[in-house]
Structures are given as C-alpha cells and as structure tokens.
Amino acid sequence: MKLKQALPELIESDSAIIASFGNARLIKTPEGPCELVGGSQEDRALAGEWISLFMHELVVSTRQTIPYRR
C-alpha cells in the first residue's frame, strides 16, 4: 500500500511525518501544531513516552482515524 493511500490527509495538506510508532504517525502541520494520527492505544502510549523524552516541550493534539470501509 502506498503512503498516499494510507494517509491521504497527510499528502493533501503538505504535512511532514516527524516519527511513526506502529500505525500512529506524529505529523507537523503547515499551520504549526503537531498531531498524532491513528494507531492503537499501545502505539499512542509509545509515542507519548518518546515525546516525553525527546520533544518534552511539544503539545500534541490527537485524531483517531476511522478505518476505510467499502
């Protein structure tokens, strides 16, 4: 699967992936804030630990992605 298909909201908005944790992606939006998108509870917990160690000044907004259904 191509990244464009997996995260269309990322491609369309010119956001940059800072780090990924399993299926969760920490992205920086053009407007400035960072956002944690997708992933399981375990992925998000891992992201929280990483952020607390390496980007402790960061305030992250979260968005749970909805699985694509046909």
PDB file of N, CA and C in Angstrom:
ATOM      1  N   MET A   1       0.842  -1.164   0.000  1.00  0.00           N
ATOM      2  CA  MET A   1       0.000   0.000   0.000  1.00  0.00           C
ATOM      3  C   MET A   1       0.898   1.241   0.000  1.00  0.00           C
ATOM      4  N   LYS A   2       0.554   2.198  -0.813  1.00  0.00           N
ATOM      5  CA  LYS A   2       1.325   3.425  -0.897  1.00  0.00           C
ATOM      6  C   LYS A   2       0.937   4.373   0.232  1.00  0.00           C
ATOM      7  N   LEU A   3       1.881   5.226   0.621  1.00  0.00           N
ATOM      8  CA  LEU A   3       1.625   6.191   1.682  1.00  0.00           C
ATOM      9  C   LEU A   3       0.466   7.112   1.314  1.00  0.00           C
ATOM     10  N   LYS A   4       0.347   7.455   0.043  1.00  0.00           N
ATOM     11  CA  LYS A   4      -0.734   8.320  -0.417  1.00  0.00           C
ATOM     12  C   LYS A   4      -2.102   7.705  -0.134  1.00  0.00           C
ATOM     13  N   GLN A   5      -2.203   6.372  -0.242  1.00  0.00           N
ATOM     14  CA  GLN A   5      -3.464   5.694   0.035  1.00  0.00           C
ATOM     15  C   GLN A   5      -3.692   5.526   1.530  1.00  0.00           C
ATOM     16  N   ALA A   6      -2.609   5.328   2.296  1.00  0.00           N
ATOM     17  CA  ALA A   6      -2.737   5.082   3.728  1.00  0.00           C
ATOM     18  C   ALA A   6      -3.087   6.346   4.507  1.00  0.00           C
ATOM     19  N   LEU A   7      -2.500   7.467   4.113  1.00  0.00           N
ATOM     20  CA  LEU A   7      -2.719   8.717   4.834  1.00  0.00           C
ATOM     21  C   LEU A   7      -3.029   9.855   3.862  1.00  0.00           C
ATOM     22  N   PRO A   8      -4.188   9.851   3.226  1.00  0.00           N
ATOM     23  CA  PRO A   8      -4.485  10.894   2.241  1.00  0.00           C
ATOM     24  C   PRO A   8      -4.505  12.293   2.841  1.00  0.00           C
ATOM     25  N   GLU A   9      -4.921  12.424   4.119  1.00  0.00           N
ATOM     26  CA  GLU A   9      -4.958  13.749   4.730  1.00  0.00           C
ATOM     27  C   GLU A   9      -3.555  14.322   4.905  1.00  0.00           C
ATOM     28  N   LEU A  10      -2.564  13.477   4.993  1.00  0.00           N
ATOM     29  CA  LEU A  10      -1.182  13.930   5.118  1.00  0.00           C
ATOM     30  C   LEU A  10      -0.666  14.455   3.789  1.00  0.00           C
ATOM     31  N   ILE A  11      -0.941  13.760   2.714  1.00  0.00           N
ATOM     32  CA  ILE A  11      -0.454  14.150   1.391  1.00  0.00           C
ATOM     33  C   ILE A  11      -1.106  15.453   0.934  1.00  0.00           C
ATOM     34  N   GLU A  12      -2.395  15.597   1.174  1.00  0.00           N
ATOM     35  CA  GLU A  12      -3.127  16.758   0.692  1.00  0.00           C
ATOM     36  C   GLU A  12      -2.744  18.045   1.411  1.00  0.00           C
ATOM     37  N   SER A  13      -2.308  17.974   2.656  1.00  0.00           N
ATOM     38  CA  SER A  13      -2.084  19.184   3.429  1.00  0.00           C
ATOM     39  C   SER A  13      -0.610  19.568   3.551  1.00  0.00           C
ATOM     40  N   ASP A  14       0.290  18.892   2.860  1.00  0.00           N
ATOM     41  CA  ASP A  14       1.718  19.176   2.922  1.00  0.00           C
ATOM     42  C   ASP A  14       2.284  19.067   4.330  1.00  0.00           C
ATOM     43  N   SER A  15       1.769  18.158   5.123  1.00  0.00           N
ATOM     44  CA  SER A  15       2.299  17.910   6.452  1.00  0.00           C
ATOM     45  C   SER A  15       3.544  17.045   6.356  1.00  0.00           C
ATOM     46  N   ALA A  16       4.347  17.054   7.410  1.00  0.00           N
ATOM     47  CA  ALA A  16       5.579  16.265   7.434  1.00  0.00           C
ATOM     48  C   ALA A  16       5.515  15.252   8.567  1.00  0.00           C
ATOM     49  N   ILE A  17       5.908  14.008   8.280  1.00  0.00           N
ATOM     50  CA  ILE A  17       5.969  12.993   9.315  1.00  0.00           C
ATOM     51  C   ILE A  17       7.232  13.218  10.131  1.00  0.00           C
ATOM     52  N   ILE A  18       7.079  13.388  11.441  1.00  0.00           N
ATOM     53  CA  ILE A  18       8.218  13.545  12.339  1.00  0.00           C
ATOM     54  C   ILE A  18       8.697  12.180  12.792  1.00  0.00           C
ATOM     55  N   ALA A  19       7.763  11.315  13.194  1.00  0.00           N
ATOM     56  CA  ALA A  19       8.099   9.971  13.655  1.00  0.00           C
ATOM     57  C   ALA A  19       6.874   9.083  13.516  1.00  0.00           C
ATOM     58  N   SER A  20       7.103   7.775  13.471  1.00  0.00           N
ATOM     59  CA  SER A  20       5.982   6.838  13.440  1.00  0.00           C
ATOM     60  C   SER A  20       6.186   5.797  14.530  1.00  0.00           C
ATOM     61  N   PHE A  21       5.075   5.361  15.099  1.00  0.00           N
ATOM     62  CA  PHE A  21       5.063   4.402  16.202  1.00  0.00           C
ATOM     63  C   PHE A  21       4.013   3.355  15.876  1.00  0.00           C
ATOM     64  N   GLY A  22       4.407   2.247  15.284  1.00  0.00           N
ATOM     65  CA  GLY A  22       3.441   1.264  14.814  1.00  0.00           C
ATOM     66  C   GLY A  22       2.598   1.901  13.724  1.00  0.00           C
ATOM     67  N   ASN A  23       1.285   1.989  13.946  1.00  0.00           N
ATOM     68  CA  ASN A  23       0.386   2.622  12.971  1.00  0.00           C
ATOM     69  C   ASN A  23       0.084   4.077  13.302  1.00  0.00           C
ATOM     70  N   ALA A  24       0.646   4.596  14.378  1.00  0.00           N
ATOM     71  CA  ALA A  24       0.459   6.004  14.745  1.00  0.00           C
ATOM     72  C   ALA A  24       1.547   6.845  14.084  1.00  0.00           C
ATOM     73  N   ARG A  25       1.171   8.028  13.606  1.00  0.00           N
ATOM     74  CA  ARG A  25       2.121   8.941  12.969  1.00  0.00           C
ATOM     75  C   ARG A  25       2.085  10.278  13.681  1.00  0.00           C
ATOM     76  N   LEU A  26       3.252  10.787  14.040  1.00  0.00           N
ATOM     77  CA  LEU A  26       3.371  12.127  14.591  1.00  0.00           C
ATOM     78  C   LEU A  26       3.694  13.038  13.424  1.00  0.00           C
ATOM     79  N   ILE A  27       2.758  13.942  13.101  1.00  0.00           N
ATOM     80  CA  ILE A  27       2.943  14.799  11.940  1.00  0.00           C
ATOM     81  C   ILE A  27       2.956  16.260  12.355  1.00  0.00           C
ATOM     82  N   LYS A  28       3.690  17.065  11.605  1.00  0.00           N
ATOM     83  CA  LYS A  28       3.730  18.514  11.794  1.00  0.00           C
ATOM     84  C   LYS A  28       2.934  19.134  10.668  1.00  0.00           C
ATOM     85  N   THR A  29       1.939  19.913  11.032  1.00  0.00           N
ATOM     86  CA  THR A  29       1.087  20.549  10.040  1.00  0.00           C
ATOM     87  C   THR A  29       1.676  21.887   9.613  1.00  0.00           C
ATOM     88  N   PRO A  30       1.322  22.375   8.431  1.00  0.00           N
ATOM     89  CA  PRO A  30       1.838  23.666   7.960  1.00  0.00           C
ATOM     90  C   PRO A  30       1.449  24.836   8.871  1.00  0.00           C
ATOM     91  N   GLU A  31       0.344  24.718   9.578  1.00  0.00           N
ATOM     92  CA  GLU A  31      -0.107  25.779  10.479  1.00  0.00           C
ATOM     93  C   GLU A  31       0.736  25.860  11.744  1.00  0.00           C
ATOM     94  N   GLY A  32       1.501  24.792  12.051  1.00  0.00           N
ATOM     95  CA  GLY A  32       2.377  24.828  13.212  1.00  0.00           C
ATOM     96  C   GLY A  32       2.222  23.690  14.202  1.00  0.00           C
ATOM     97  N   PRO A  33       1.001  23.345  14.626  1.00  0.00           N
ATOM     98  CA  PRO A  33       0.896  22.319  15.653  1.00  0.00           C
ATOM     99  C   PRO A  33       1.235  20.919  15.134  1.00  0.00           C
ATOM    100  N   CYS A  34       1.617  20.067  16.063  1.00  0.00           N
ATOM    101  CA  CYS A  34       1.862  18.655  15.733  1.00  0.00           C
ATOM    102  C   CYS A  34       0.623  17.866  16.103  1.00  0.00           C
ATOM    103  N   GLU A  35       0.438  16.750  15.402  1.00  0.00           N
ATOM    104  CA  GLU A  35      -0.747  15.941  15.603  1.00  0.00           C
ATOM    105  C   GLU A  35      -0.366  14.472  15.571  1.00  0.00           C
ATOM    106  N   LEU A  36      -0.938  13.691  16.472  1.00  0.00           N
ATOM    107  CA  LEU A  36      -0.730  12.248  16.495  1.00  0.00           C
ATOM    108  C   LEU A  36      -1.944  11.609  15.834  1.00  0.00           C
ATOM    109  N   VAL A  37      -1.722  10.917  14.712  1.00  0.00           N
ATOM    110  CA  VAL A  37      -2.816  10.392  13.898  1.00  0.00           C
ATOM    111  C   VAL A  37      -2.775   8.875  13.884  1.00  0.00           C
ATOM    112  N   GLY A  38      -3.936   8.255  14.143  1.00  0.00           N
ATOM    113  CA  GLY A  38      -4.073   6.808  14.026  1.00  0.00           C
ATOM    114  C   GLY A  38      -3.396   6.041  15.134  1.00  0.00           C
ATOM    115  N   GLY A  39      -3.271   4.735  14.915  1.00  0.00           N
ATOM    116  CA  GLY A  39      -2.582   3.857  15.851  1.00  0.00           C
ATOM    117  C   GLY A  39      -3.471   3.301  16.944  1.00  0.00           C
ATOM    118  N   SER A  40      -2.962   2.273  17.580  1.00  0.00           N
ATOM    119  CA  SER A  40      -3.666   1.640  18.696  1.00  0.00           C
ATOM    120  C   SER A  40      -3.295   2.356  19.995  1.00  0.00           C
ATOM    121  N   GLN A  41      -3.892   1.936  21.094  1.00  0.00           N
ATOM    122  CA  GLN A  41      -3.563   2.512  22.401  1.00  0.00           C
ATOM    123  C   GLN A  41      -2.092   2.285  22.735  1.00  0.00           C
ATOM    124  N   GLU A  42      -1.559   1.111  22.360  1.00  0.00           N
ATOM    125  CA  GLU A  42      -0.152   0.807  22.619  1.00  0.00           C
ATOM    126  C   GLU A  42       0.766   1.715  21.803  1.00  0.00           C
ATOM    127  N   ASP A  43       0.390   1.948  20.527  1.00  0.00           N
ATOM    128  CA  ASP A  43       1.170   2.841  19.669  1.00  0.00           C
ATOM    129  C   ASP A  43       1.193   4.251  20.246  1.00  0.00           C
ATOM    130  N   ARG A  44       0.048   4.712  20.727  1.00  0.00           N
ATOM    131  CA  ARG A  44      -0.055   6.054  21.292  1.00  0.00           C
ATOM    132  C   ARG A  44       0.707   6.166  22.604  1.00  0.00           C
ATOM    133  N   ALA A  45       0.702   5.107  23.397  1.00  0.00           N
ATOM    134  CA  ALA A  45       1.477   5.118  24.646  1.00  0.00           C
ATOM    135  C   ALA A  45       2.973   5.212  24.337  1.00  0.00           C
ATOM    136  N   LEU A  46       3.423   4.462  23.351  1.00  0.00           N
ATOM    137  CA  LEU A  46       4.822   4.518  22.932  1.00  0.00           C
ATOM    138  C   LEU A  46       5.177   5.912  22.425  1.00  0.00           C
ATOM    139  N   ALA A  47       4.281   6.513  21.651  1.00  0.00           N
ATOM    140  CA  ALA A  47       4.504   7.868  21.159  1.00  0.00           C
ATOM    141  C   ALA A  47       4.601   8.853  22.320  1.00  0.00           C
ATOM    142  N   GLY A  48       3.745   8.700  23.299  1.00  0.00           N
ATOM    143  CA  GLY A  48       3.782   9.581  24.475  1.00  0.00           C
ATOM    144  C   GLY A  48       5.094   9.490  25.225  1.00  0.00           C
ATOM    145  N   GLU A  49       5.629   8.269  25.368  1.00  0.00           N
ATOM    146  CA  GLU A  49       6.922   8.093  26.031  1.00  0.00           C
ATOM    147  C   GLU A  49       8.037   8.751  25.226  1.00  0.00           C
ATOM    148  N   TRP A  50       8.027   8.553  23.902  1.00  0.00           N
ATOM    149  CA  TRP A  50       9.057   9.129  23.046  1.00  0.00           C
ATOM    150  C   TRP A  50       9.010  10.656  23.098  1.00  0.00           C
ATOM    151  N   ILE A  51       7.795  11.205  23.048  1.00  0.00           N
ATOM    152  CA  ILE A  51       7.628  12.660  23.098  1.00  0.00           C
ATOM    153  C   ILE A  51       8.136  13.206  24.430  1.00  0.00           C
ATOM    154  N   SER A  52       7.849  12.507  25.518  1.00  0.00           N
ATOM    155  CA  SER A  52       8.294  12.992  26.826  1.00  0.00           C
ATOM    156  C   SER A  52       9.815  12.990  26.949  1.00  0.00           C
ATOM    157  N   LEU A  53      10.492  12.112  26.224  1.00  0.00           N
ATOM    158  CA  LEU A  53      11.957  12.065  26.266  1.00  0.00           C
ATOM    159  C   LEU A  53      12.615  13.034  25.298  1.00  0.00           C
ATOM    160  N   PHE A  54      12.104  13.116  24.062  1.00  0.00           N
ATOM    161  CA  PHE A  54      12.810  13.838  23.013  1.00  0.00           C
ATOM    162  C   PHE A  54      12.168  15.155  22.578  1.00  0.00           C
ATOM    163  N   MET A  55      10.891  15.335  22.848  1.00  0.00           N
ATOM    164  CA  MET A  55      10.208  16.577  22.452  1.00  0.00           C
ATOM    165  C   MET A  55       9.309  17.023  23.601  1.00  0.00           C
ATOM    166  N   HIS A  56       9.859  17.104  24.802  1.00  0.00           N
ATOM    167  CA  HIS A  56       9.071  17.340  26.008  1.00  0.00           C
ATOM    168  C   HIS A  56       8.316  18.668  25.997  1.00  0.00           C
ATOM    169  N   GLU A  57       8.741  19.638  25.176  1.00  0.00           N
ATOM    170  CA  GLU A  57       8.045  20.925  25.107  1.00  0.00           C
ATOM    171  C   GLU A  57       6.827  20.871  24.181  1.00  0.00           C
ATOM    172  N   LEU A  58       6.641  19.776  23.476  1.00  0.00           N
ATOM    173  CA  LEU A  58       5.585  19.639  22.481  1.00  0.00           C
ATOM    174  C   LEU A  58       4.230  19.378  23.120  1.00  0.00           C
ATOM    175  N   VAL A  59       3.219  20.076  22.621  1.00  0.00           N
ATOM    176  CA  VAL A  59       1.833  19.799  22.983  1.00  0.00           C
ATOM    177  C   VAL A  59       1.193  19.193  21.753  1.00  0.00           C
ATOM    178  N   VAL A  60       0.680  17.982  21.893  1.00  0.00           N
ATOM    179  CA  VAL A  60       0.185  17.227  20.745  1.00  0.00           C
ATOM    180  C   VAL A  60      -1.327  17.128  20.787  1.00  0.00           C
ATOM    181  N   SER A  61      -1.952  17.400  19.649  1.00  0.00           N
ATOM    182  CA  SER A  61      -3.373  17.117  19.510  1.00  0.00           C
ATOM    183  C   SER A  61      -3.491  15.728  18.895  1.00  0.00           C
ATOM    184  N   THR A  62      -4.570  15.040  19.190  1.00  0.00           N
ATOM    185  CA  THR A  62      -4.731  13.678  18.683  1.00  0.00           C
ATOM    186  C   THR A  62      -5.969  13.593  17.815  1.00  0.00           C
ATOM    187  N   ARG A  63      -5.888  12.666  16.874  1.00  0.00           N
ATOM    188  CA  ARG A  63      -7.022  12.406  15.986  1.00  0.00           C
ATOM    189  C   ARG A  63      -7.036  10.913  15.720  1.00  0.00           C
ATOM    190  N   GLN A  64      -8.118  10.261  16.051  1.00  0.00           N
ATOM    191  CA  GLN A  64      -8.261   8.834  15.798  1.00  0.00           C
ATOM    192  C   GLN A  64      -8.780   8.656  14.386  1.00  0.00           C
ATOM    193  N   THR A  65      -8.103   7.870  13.595  1.00  0.00           N
ATOM    194  CA  THR A  65      -8.559   7.650  12.220  1.00  0.00           C
ATOM    195  C   THR A  65      -9.634   6.578  12.203  1.00  0.00           C
ATOM    196  N   ILE A  66     -10.536   6.711  11.268  1.00  0.00           N
ATOM    197  CA  ILE A  66     -11.614   5.744  11.098  1.00  0.00           C
ATOM    198  C   ILE A  66     -11.218   4.801   9.978  1.00  0.00           C
ATOM    199  N   PRO A  67     -11.269   3.488  10.212  1.00  0.00           N
ATOM    200  CA  PRO A  67     -10.900   2.544   9.138  1.00  0.00           C
ATOM    201  C   PRO A  67     -11.758   2.735   7.908  1.00  0.00           C
ATOM    202  N   TYR A  68     -11.133   2.606   6.770  1.00  0.00           N
ATOM    203  CA  TYR A  68     -11.828   2.748   5.490  1.00  0.00           C
ATOM    204  C   TYR A  68     -12.747   1.551   5.272  1.00  0.00           C
ATOM    205  N   ARG A  69     -13.980   1.812   4.913  1.00  0.00           N
ATOM    206  CA  ARG A  69     -14.941   0.726   4.626  1.00  0.00           C
ATOM    207  C   ARG A  69     -15.452   0.878   3.213  1.00  0.00           C
ATOM    208  N   ARG A  70     -15.648  -0.239   2.555  1.00  0.00           N
ATOM    209  CA  ARG A  70     -16.190  -0.231   1.187  1.00  0.00           C
ATOM    210  C   ARG A  70     -17.649  -0.473   1.208  1.00  0.00           C
TER     211      ARG A  70
END
